[in-house]
PDB file of N, CA and C in Angstrom:
ATOM      1  N   MET A   1     107.089 106.525  77.244  1.00  0.00           N
ATOM      2  CA  MET A   1     106.397 107.752  77.597  1.00  0.00           C
ATOM      3  C   MET A   1     105.567 108.223  76.399  1.00  0.00           C
ATOM      4  N   ILE A   2     104.373 108.684  76.684  1.00  0.00           N
ATOM      5  CA  ILE A   2     103.517 109.141  75.589  1.00  0.00           C
ATOM      6  C   ILE A   2     103.649 110.646  75.407  1.00  0.00           C
ATOM      7  N   THR A   3     103.394 111.083  74.200  1.00  0.00           N
ATOM      8  CA  THR A   3     103.505 112.509  73.894  1.00  0.00           C
ATOM      9  C   THR A   3     102.281 113.265  74.403  1.00  0.00           C
ATOM     10  N   ALA A   4     102.443 114.559  74.539  1.00  0.00           N
ATOM     11  CA  ALA A   4     101.331 115.416  74.946  1.00  0.00           C
ATOM     12  C   ALA A   4     100.205 115.351  73.914  1.00  0.00           C
ATOM     13  N   GLU A   5     100.560 115.201  72.645  1.00  0.00           N
ATOM     14  CA  GLU A   5      99.542 115.139  71.590  1.00  0.00           C
ATOM     15  C   GLU A   5      98.692 113.878  71.715  1.00  0.00           C
ATOM     16  N   LEU A   6      99.322 112.736  72.017  1.00  0.00           N
ATOM     17  CA  LEU A   6      98.558 111.507  72.209  1.00  0.00           C
ATOM     18  C   LEU A   6      97.683 111.618  73.449  1.00  0.00           C
ATOM     19  N   LYS A   7      98.236 112.133  74.516  1.00  0.00           N
ATOM     20  CA  LYS A   7      97.450 112.304  75.741  1.00  0.00           C
ATOM     21  C   LYS A   7      96.235 113.180  75.477  1.00  0.00           C
ATOM     22  N   ALA A   8      96.414 114.278  74.761  1.00  0.00           N
ATOM     23  CA  ALA A   8      95.299 115.181  74.454  1.00  0.00           C
ATOM     24  C   ALA A   8      94.227 114.482  73.621  1.00  0.00           C
ATOM     25  N   ALA A   9      94.651 113.676  72.645  1.00  0.00           N
ATOM     26  CA  ALA A   9      93.695 112.957  71.799  1.00  0.00           C
ATOM     27  C   ALA A   9      92.867 111.981  72.626  1.00  0.00           C
ATOM     28  N   ILE A  10      93.519 111.272  73.527  1.00  0.00           N
ATOM     29  CA  ILE A  10      92.817 110.299  74.370  1.00  0.00           C
ATOM     30  C   ILE A  10      91.873 111.002  75.334  1.00  0.00           C
ATOM     31  N   LEU A  11      92.350 112.038  75.992  1.00  0.00           N
ATOM     32  CA  LEU A  11      91.502 112.764  76.949  1.00  0.00           C
ATOM     33  C   LEU A  11      90.273 113.352  76.269  1.00  0.00           C
ATOM     34  N   ALA A  12      90.447 113.893  75.070  1.00  0.00           N
ATOM     35  CA  ALA A  12      89.309 114.459  74.349  1.00  0.00           C
ATOM     36  C   ALA A  12      88.306 113.364  73.979  1.00  0.00           C
ATOM     37  N   ALA A  13      88.822 112.202  73.582  1.00  0.00           N
ATOM     38  CA  ALA A  13      87.938 111.110  73.161  1.00  0.00           C
ATOM     39  C   ALA A  13      87.107 110.567  74.313  1.00  0.00           C
ATOM     40  N   ILE A  14      87.668 110.567  75.517  1.00  0.00           N
ATOM     41  CA  ILE A  14      86.929 110.005  76.662  1.00  0.00           C
ATOM     42  C   ILE A  14      86.383 111.088  77.589  1.00  0.00           C
ATOM     43  N   HIS A  15      86.495 112.323  77.168  1.00  0.00           N
ATOM     44  CA  HIS A  15      85.912 113.465  77.887  1.00  0.00           C
ATOM     45  C   HIS A  15      86.418 113.569  79.331  1.00  0.00           C
ATOM     46  N   LEU A  16      87.740 113.488  79.473  1.00  0.00           N
ATOM     47  CA  LEU A  16      88.381 113.705  80.769  1.00  0.00           C
ATOM     48  C   LEU A  16      89.277 114.924  80.671  1.00  0.00           C
ATOM     49  N   ASP A  17      89.453 115.603  81.781  1.00  0.00           N
ATOM     50  CA  ASP A  17      90.345 116.757  81.819  1.00  0.00           C
ATOM     51  C   ASP A  17      91.799 116.337  82.004  1.00  0.00           C
ATOM     52  N   ASP A  18      92.010 115.274  82.771  1.00  0.00           N
ATOM     53  CA  ASP A  18      93.359 114.788  83.042  1.00  0.00           C
ATOM     54  C   ASP A  18      93.256 113.389  83.614  1.00  0.00           C
ATOM     55  N   TRP A  19      94.372 112.714  83.681  1.00  0.00           N
ATOM     56  CA  TRP A  19      94.401 111.416  84.338  1.00  0.00           C
ATOM     57  C   TRP A  19      95.649 111.325  85.182  1.00  0.00           C
ATOM     58  N   ASP A  20      95.589 110.491  86.165  1.00  0.00           N
ATOM     59  CA  ASP A  20      96.735 110.242  87.022  1.00  0.00           C
ATOM     60  C   ASP A  20      96.719 108.756  87.353  1.00  0.00           C
ATOM     61  N   ASN A  21      97.445 107.969  86.575  1.00  0.00           N
ATOM     62  CA  ASN A  21      97.487 106.511  86.747  1.00  0.00           C
ATOM     63  C   ASN A  21      96.099 105.892  86.661  1.00  0.00           C
ATOM     64  N   THR A  22      95.263 106.433  85.797  1.00  0.00           N
ATOM     65  CA  THR A  22      93.902 105.942  85.640  1.00  0.00           C
ATOM     66  C   THR A  22      93.884 104.700  84.760  1.00  0.00           C
ATOM     67  N   LEU A  23      93.210 103.684  85.231  1.00  0.00           N
ATOM     68  CA  LEU A  23      92.997 102.474  84.437  1.00  0.00           C
ATOM     69  C   LEU A  23      91.704 102.626  83.655  1.00  0.00           C
ATOM     70  N   ALA A  24      91.593 101.920  82.549  1.00  0.00           N
ATOM     71  CA  ALA A  24      90.372 101.992  81.751  1.00  0.00           C
ATOM     72  C   ALA A  24      89.150 101.695  82.609  1.00  0.00           C
ATOM     73  N   SER A  25      89.280 100.738  83.507  1.00  0.00           N
ATOM     74  CA  SER A  25      88.142 100.359  84.360  1.00  0.00           C
ATOM     75  C   SER A  25      87.727 101.466  85.326  1.00  0.00           C
ATOM     76  N   GLN A  26      88.584 102.477  85.486  1.00  0.00           N
ATOM     77  CA  GLN A  26      88.266 103.580  86.392  1.00  0.00           C
ATOM     78  C   GLN A  26      87.655 104.783  85.665  1.00  0.00           C
ATOM     79  N   VAL A  27      87.584 104.721  84.350  1.00  0.00           N
ATOM     80  CA  VAL A  27      86.993 105.810  83.572  1.00  0.00           C
ATOM     81  C   VAL A  27      85.477 105.626  83.594  1.00  0.00           C
ATOM     82  N   PRO A  28      84.755 106.647  84.024  1.00  0.00           N
ATOM     83  CA  PRO A  28      83.289 106.520  84.067  1.00  0.00           C
ATOM     84  C   PRO A  28      82.716 106.160  82.702  1.00  0.00           C
ATOM     85  N   GLY A  29      81.907 105.112  82.663  1.00  0.00           N
ATOM     86  CA  GLY A  29      81.267 104.711  81.430  1.00  0.00           C
ATOM     87  C   GLY A  29      82.158 103.965  80.456  1.00  0.00           C
ATOM     88  N   TRP A  30      83.355 103.536  80.902  1.00  0.00           N
ATOM     89  CA  TRP A  30      84.269 102.850  79.985  1.00  0.00           C
ATOM     90  C   TRP A  30      83.688 101.509  79.562  1.00  0.00           C
ATOM     91  N   ASP A  31      83.741 101.263  78.262  1.00  0.00           N
ATOM     92  CA  ASP A  31      83.321  99.982  77.721  1.00  0.00           C
ATOM     93  C   ASP A  31      84.044  99.767  76.395  1.00  0.00           C
ATOM     94  N   SER A  32      83.705  98.719  75.700  1.00  0.00           N
ATOM     95  CA  SER A  32      84.395  98.420  74.445  1.00  0.00           C
ATOM     96  C   SER A  32      84.185  99.520  73.405  1.00  0.00           C
ATOM     97  N   LEU A  33      83.032 100.171  73.432  1.00  0.00           N
ATOM     98  CA  LEU A  33      82.794 101.272  72.497  1.00  0.00           C
ATOM     99  C   LEU A  33      83.726 102.447  72.801  1.00  0.00           C
ATOM    100  N   SER A  34      83.982 102.698  74.071  1.00  0.00           N
ATOM    101  CA  SER A  34      84.933 103.749  74.447  1.00  0.00           C
ATOM    102  C   SER A  34      86.318 103.429  73.901  1.00  0.00           C
ATOM    103  N   HIS A  35      86.684 102.172  73.971  1.00  0.00           N
ATOM    104  CA  HIS A  35      87.987 101.735  73.456  1.00  0.00           C
ATOM    105  C   HIS A  35      88.076 102.020  71.953  1.00  0.00           C
ATOM    106  N   VAL A  36      87.046 101.665  71.230  1.00  0.00           N
ATOM    107  CA  VAL A  36      87.011 101.899  69.783  1.00  0.00           C
ATOM    108  C   VAL A  36      87.031 103.403  69.488  1.00  0.00           C
ATOM    109  N   THR A  37      86.329 104.174  70.296  1.00  0.00           N
ATOM    110  CA  THR A  37      86.304 105.623  70.125  1.00  0.00           C
ATOM    111  C   THR A  37      87.698 106.217  70.280  1.00  0.00           C
ATOM    112  N   VAL A  38      88.439 105.746  71.266  1.00  0.00           N
ATOM    113  CA  VAL A  38      89.805 106.227  71.475  1.00  0.00           C
ATOM    114  C   VAL A  38      90.680 105.866  70.279  1.00  0.00           C
ATOM    115  N   ILE A  39      90.603 104.626  69.832  1.00  0.00           N
ATOM    116  CA  ILE A  39      91.413 104.197  68.683  1.00  0.00           C
ATOM    117  C   ILE A  39      91.085 105.043  67.452  1.00  0.00           C
ATOM    118  N   ALA A  40      89.807 105.259  67.190  1.00  0.00           N
ATOM    119  CA  ALA A  40      89.396 106.066  66.033  1.00  0.00           C
ATOM    120  C   ALA A  40      89.879 107.509  66.169  1.00  0.00           C
ATOM    121  N   ALA A  41      89.801 108.076  67.361  1.00  0.00           N
ATOM    122  CA  ALA A  41      90.257 109.451  67.581  1.00  0.00           C
ATOM    123  C   ALA A  41      91.760 109.570  67.363  1.00  0.00           C
ATOM    124  N   VAL A  42      92.502 108.581  67.813  1.00  0.00           N
ATOM    125  CA  VAL A  42      93.953 108.595  67.629  1.00  0.00           C
ATOM    126  C   VAL A  42      94.304 108.443  66.146  1.00  0.00           C
ATOM    127  N   GLU A  43      93.596 107.560  65.449  1.00  0.00           N
ATOM    128  CA  GLU A  43      93.835 107.411  64.015  1.00  0.00           C
ATOM    129  C   GLU A  43      93.607 108.732  63.290  1.00  0.00           C
ATOM    130  N   GLU A  44      92.516 109.389  63.617  1.00  0.00           N
ATOM    131  CA  GLU A  44      92.196 110.665  62.968  1.00  0.00           C
ATOM    132  C   GLU A  44      93.218 111.734  63.314  1.00  0.00           C
ATOM    133  N   ARG A  45      93.568 111.841  64.575  1.00  0.00           N
ATOM    134  CA  ARG A  45      94.494 112.885  65.031  1.00  0.00           C
ATOM    135  C   ARG A  45      95.860 112.765  64.366  1.00  0.00           C
ATOM    136  N   PHE A  46      96.337 111.521  64.204  1.00  0.00           N
ATOM    137  CA  PHE A  46      97.678 111.310  63.677  1.00  0.00           C
ATOM    138  C   PHE A  46      97.702 110.929  62.198  1.00  0.00           C
ATOM    139  N   GLY A  47      96.531 110.745  61.590  1.00  0.00           N
ATOM    140  CA  GLY A  47      96.468 110.408  60.177  1.00  0.00           C
ATOM    141  C   GLY A  47      97.020 109.029  59.874  1.00  0.00           C
ATOM    142  N   VAL A  48      96.773 108.090  60.779  1.00  0.00           N
ATOM    143  CA  VAL A  48      97.230 106.710  60.598  1.00  0.00           C
ATOM    144  C   VAL A  48      96.038 105.771  60.698  1.00  0.00           C
ATOM    145  N   ARG A  49      96.245 104.525  60.286  1.00  0.00           N
ATOM    146  CA  ARG A  49      95.213 103.499  60.419  1.00  0.00           C
ATOM    147  C   ARG A  49      95.834 102.281  61.084  1.00  0.00           C
ATOM    148  N   PHE A  50      95.089 101.691  62.001  1.00  0.00           N
ATOM    149  CA  PHE A  50      95.545 100.490  62.691  1.00  0.00           C
ATOM    150  C   PHE A  50      94.748  99.298  62.193  1.00  0.00           C
ATOM    151  N   GLY A  51      95.445  98.196  61.991  1.00  0.00           N
ATOM    152  CA  GLY A  51      94.775  96.946  61.668  1.00  0.00           C
ATOM    153  C   GLY A  51      94.289  96.287  62.954  1.00  0.00           C
ATOM    154  N   ILE A  52      93.425  95.323  62.811  1.00  0.00           N
ATOM    155  CA  ILE A  52      92.892  94.632  63.976  1.00  0.00           C
ATOM    156  C   ILE A  52      94.016  93.973  64.770  1.00  0.00           C
ATOM    157  N   ARG A  53      95.009  93.444  64.090  1.00  0.00           N
ATOM    158  CA  ARG A  53      96.156  92.828  64.787  1.00  0.00           C
ATOM    159  C   ARG A  53      96.924  93.860  65.591  1.00  0.00           C
ATOM    160  N   ASP A  54      97.058  95.070  65.040  1.00  0.00           N
ATOM    161  CA  ASP A  54      97.717  96.153  65.779  1.00  0.00           C
ATOM    162  C   ASP A  54      96.980  96.427  67.084  1.00  0.00           C
ATOM    163  N   VAL A  55      95.680  96.558  66.980  1.00  0.00           N
ATOM    164  CA  VAL A  55      94.856  96.900  68.144  1.00  0.00           C
ATOM    165  C   VAL A  55      94.917  95.784  69.186  1.00  0.00           C
ATOM    166  N   LEU A  56      94.813  94.547  68.742  1.00  0.00           N
ATOM    167  CA  LEU A  56      94.836  93.423  69.675  1.00  0.00           C
ATOM    168  C   LEU A  56      96.194  93.252  70.349  1.00  0.00           C
ATOM    169  N   ALA A  57      97.261  93.661  69.671  1.00  0.00           N
ATOM    170  CA  ALA A  57      98.605  93.513  70.223  1.00  0.00           C
ATOM    171  C   ALA A  57      98.943  94.577  71.269  1.00  0.00           C
ATOM    172  N   MET A  58      98.230  95.705  71.245  1.00  0.00           N
ATOM    173  CA  MET A  58      98.509  96.781  72.199  1.00  0.00           C
ATOM    174  C   MET A  58      98.080  96.382  73.606  1.00  0.00           C
ATOM    175  N   LYS A  59      99.001  96.520  74.549  1.00  0.00           N
ATOM    176  CA  LYS A  59      98.705  96.187  75.938  1.00  0.00           C
ATOM    177  C   LYS A  59      98.657  97.423  76.843  1.00  0.00           C
ATOM    178  N   ASN A  60      99.227  98.539  76.357  1.00  0.00           N
ATOM    179  CA  ASN A  60      99.273  99.755  77.174  1.00  0.00           C
ATOM    180  C   ASN A  60      99.494 100.963  76.258  1.00  0.00           C
ATOM    181  N   LEU A  61      99.520 102.130  76.857  1.00  0.00           N
ATOM    182  CA  LEU A  61      99.681 103.353  76.063  1.00  0.00           C
ATOM    183  C   LEU A  61     101.069 103.458  75.436  1.00  0.00           C
ATOM    184  N   GLY A  62     102.062 102.871  76.072  1.00  0.00           N
ATOM    185  CA  GLY A  62     103.399 102.853  75.480  1.00  0.00           C
ATOM    186  C   GLY A  62     103.398 102.105  74.155  1.00  0.00           C
ATOM    187  N   ASP A  63     102.675 100.974  74.108  1.00  0.00           N
ATOM    188  CA  ASP A  63     102.548 100.226  72.858  1.00  0.00           C
ATOM    189  C   ASP A  63     101.853 101.069  71.795  1.00  0.00           C
ATOM    190  N   LEU A  64     100.823 101.793  72.195  1.00  0.00           N
ATOM    191  CA  LEU A  64     100.111 102.660  71.262  1.00  0.00           C
ATOM    192  C   LEU A  64     101.028 103.741  70.727  1.00  0.00           C
ATOM    193  N   GLN A  65     101.808 104.371  71.603  1.00  0.00           N
ATOM    194  CA  GLN A  65     102.724 105.424  71.170  1.00  0.00           C
ATOM    195  C   GLN A  65     103.767 104.870  70.200  1.00  0.00           C
ATOM    196  N   ARG A  66     104.321 103.695  70.504  1.00  0.00           N
ATOM    197  CA  ARG A  66     105.318 103.090  69.620  1.00  0.00           C
ATOM    198  C   ARG A  66     104.714 102.758  68.255  1.00  0.00           C
ATOM    199  N   LEU A  67     103.486 102.289  68.246  1.00  0.00           N
ATOM    200  CA  LEU A  67     102.821 101.975  66.985  1.00  0.00           C
ATOM    201  C   LEU A  67     102.599 103.243  66.158  1.00  0.00           C
ATOM    202  N   ILE A  68     102.153 104.300  66.810  1.00  0.00           N
ATOM    203  CA  ILE A  68     101.972 105.580  66.114  1.00  0.00           C
ATOM    204  C   ILE A  68     103.299 106.036  65.521  1.00  0.00           C
ATOM    205  N   ASN A  69     104.348 106.012  66.334  1.00  0.00           N
ATOM    206  CA  ASN A  69     105.669 106.448  65.869  1.00  0.00           C
ATOM    207  C   ASN A  69     106.114 105.637  64.660  1.00  0.00           C
ATOM    208  N   SER A  70     105.899 104.328  64.714  1.00  0.00           N
ATOM    209  CA  SER A  70     106.290 103.446  63.621  1.00  0.00           C
ATOM    210  C   SER A  70     105.518 103.771  62.347  1.00  0.00           C
ATOM    211  N   LYS A  71     104.227 103.981  62.479  1.00  0.00           N
ATOM    212  CA  LYS A  71     103.404 104.275  61.304  1.00  0.00           C
ATOM    213  C   LYS A  71     103.747 105.651  60.718  1.00  0.00           C
ATOM    214  N   LEU A  72     104.018 106.618  61.560  1.00  0.00           N
ATOM    215  CA  LEU A  72     104.388 107.950  61.072  1.00  0.00           C
ATOM    216  C   LEU A  72     105.745 107.905  60.376  1.00  0.00           C
ATOM    217  N   GLN A  73     106.647 107.134  60.930  1.00  0.00           N
ATOM    218  CA  GLN A  73     107.968 107.002  60.313  1.00  0.00           C
ATOM    219  C   GLN A  73     107.858 106.336  58.941  1.00  0.00           C
ATOM    220  N   ALA A  74     107.012 105.322  58.847  1.00  0.00           N
ATOM    221  CA  ALA A  74     106.806 104.628  57.575  1.00  0.00           C
ATOM    222  C   ALA A  74     106.204 105.562  56.523  1.00  0.00           C
ATOM    223  N   LYS A  75     105.322 106.480  56.965  1.00  0.00           N
ATOM    224  CA  LYS A  75     104.708 107.430  56.036  1.00  0.00           C
ATOM    225  C   LYS A  75     105.735 108.403  55.471  1.00  0.00           C
ATOM    226  N   GLU A  76     106.772 108.702  56.253  1.00  0.00           N
ATOM    227  CA  GLU A  76     107.789 109.660  55.820  1.00  0.00           C
ATOM    228  C   GLU A  76     108.720 109.080  54.781  1.00  0.00           C
ATOM    229  N   GLN A  77     108.793 107.765  54.694  1.00  0.00           N
ATOM    230  CA  GLN A  77     109.737 107.130  53.771  1.00  0.00           C
ATOM    231  C   GLN A  77     109.181 106.982  52.391  1.00  0.00           C
TER     232      GLN A  77
END
């Protein structure tokens, strides 16, 4: 499950008010640049950086949330 903060960051990046089981292909104007925009917005919002391997390994929003959690936990140590 993703946090409200992650959901807000994604919605702001793609200029949507809400989603309900929306696939990337269903977002108006979705393309690879939109994907990069979302990743950059999430990095900025959470103060983390993702490597290319991180990005390529993500298959869904749950993976993104787990990666954020892992990076934030590592920053605390």
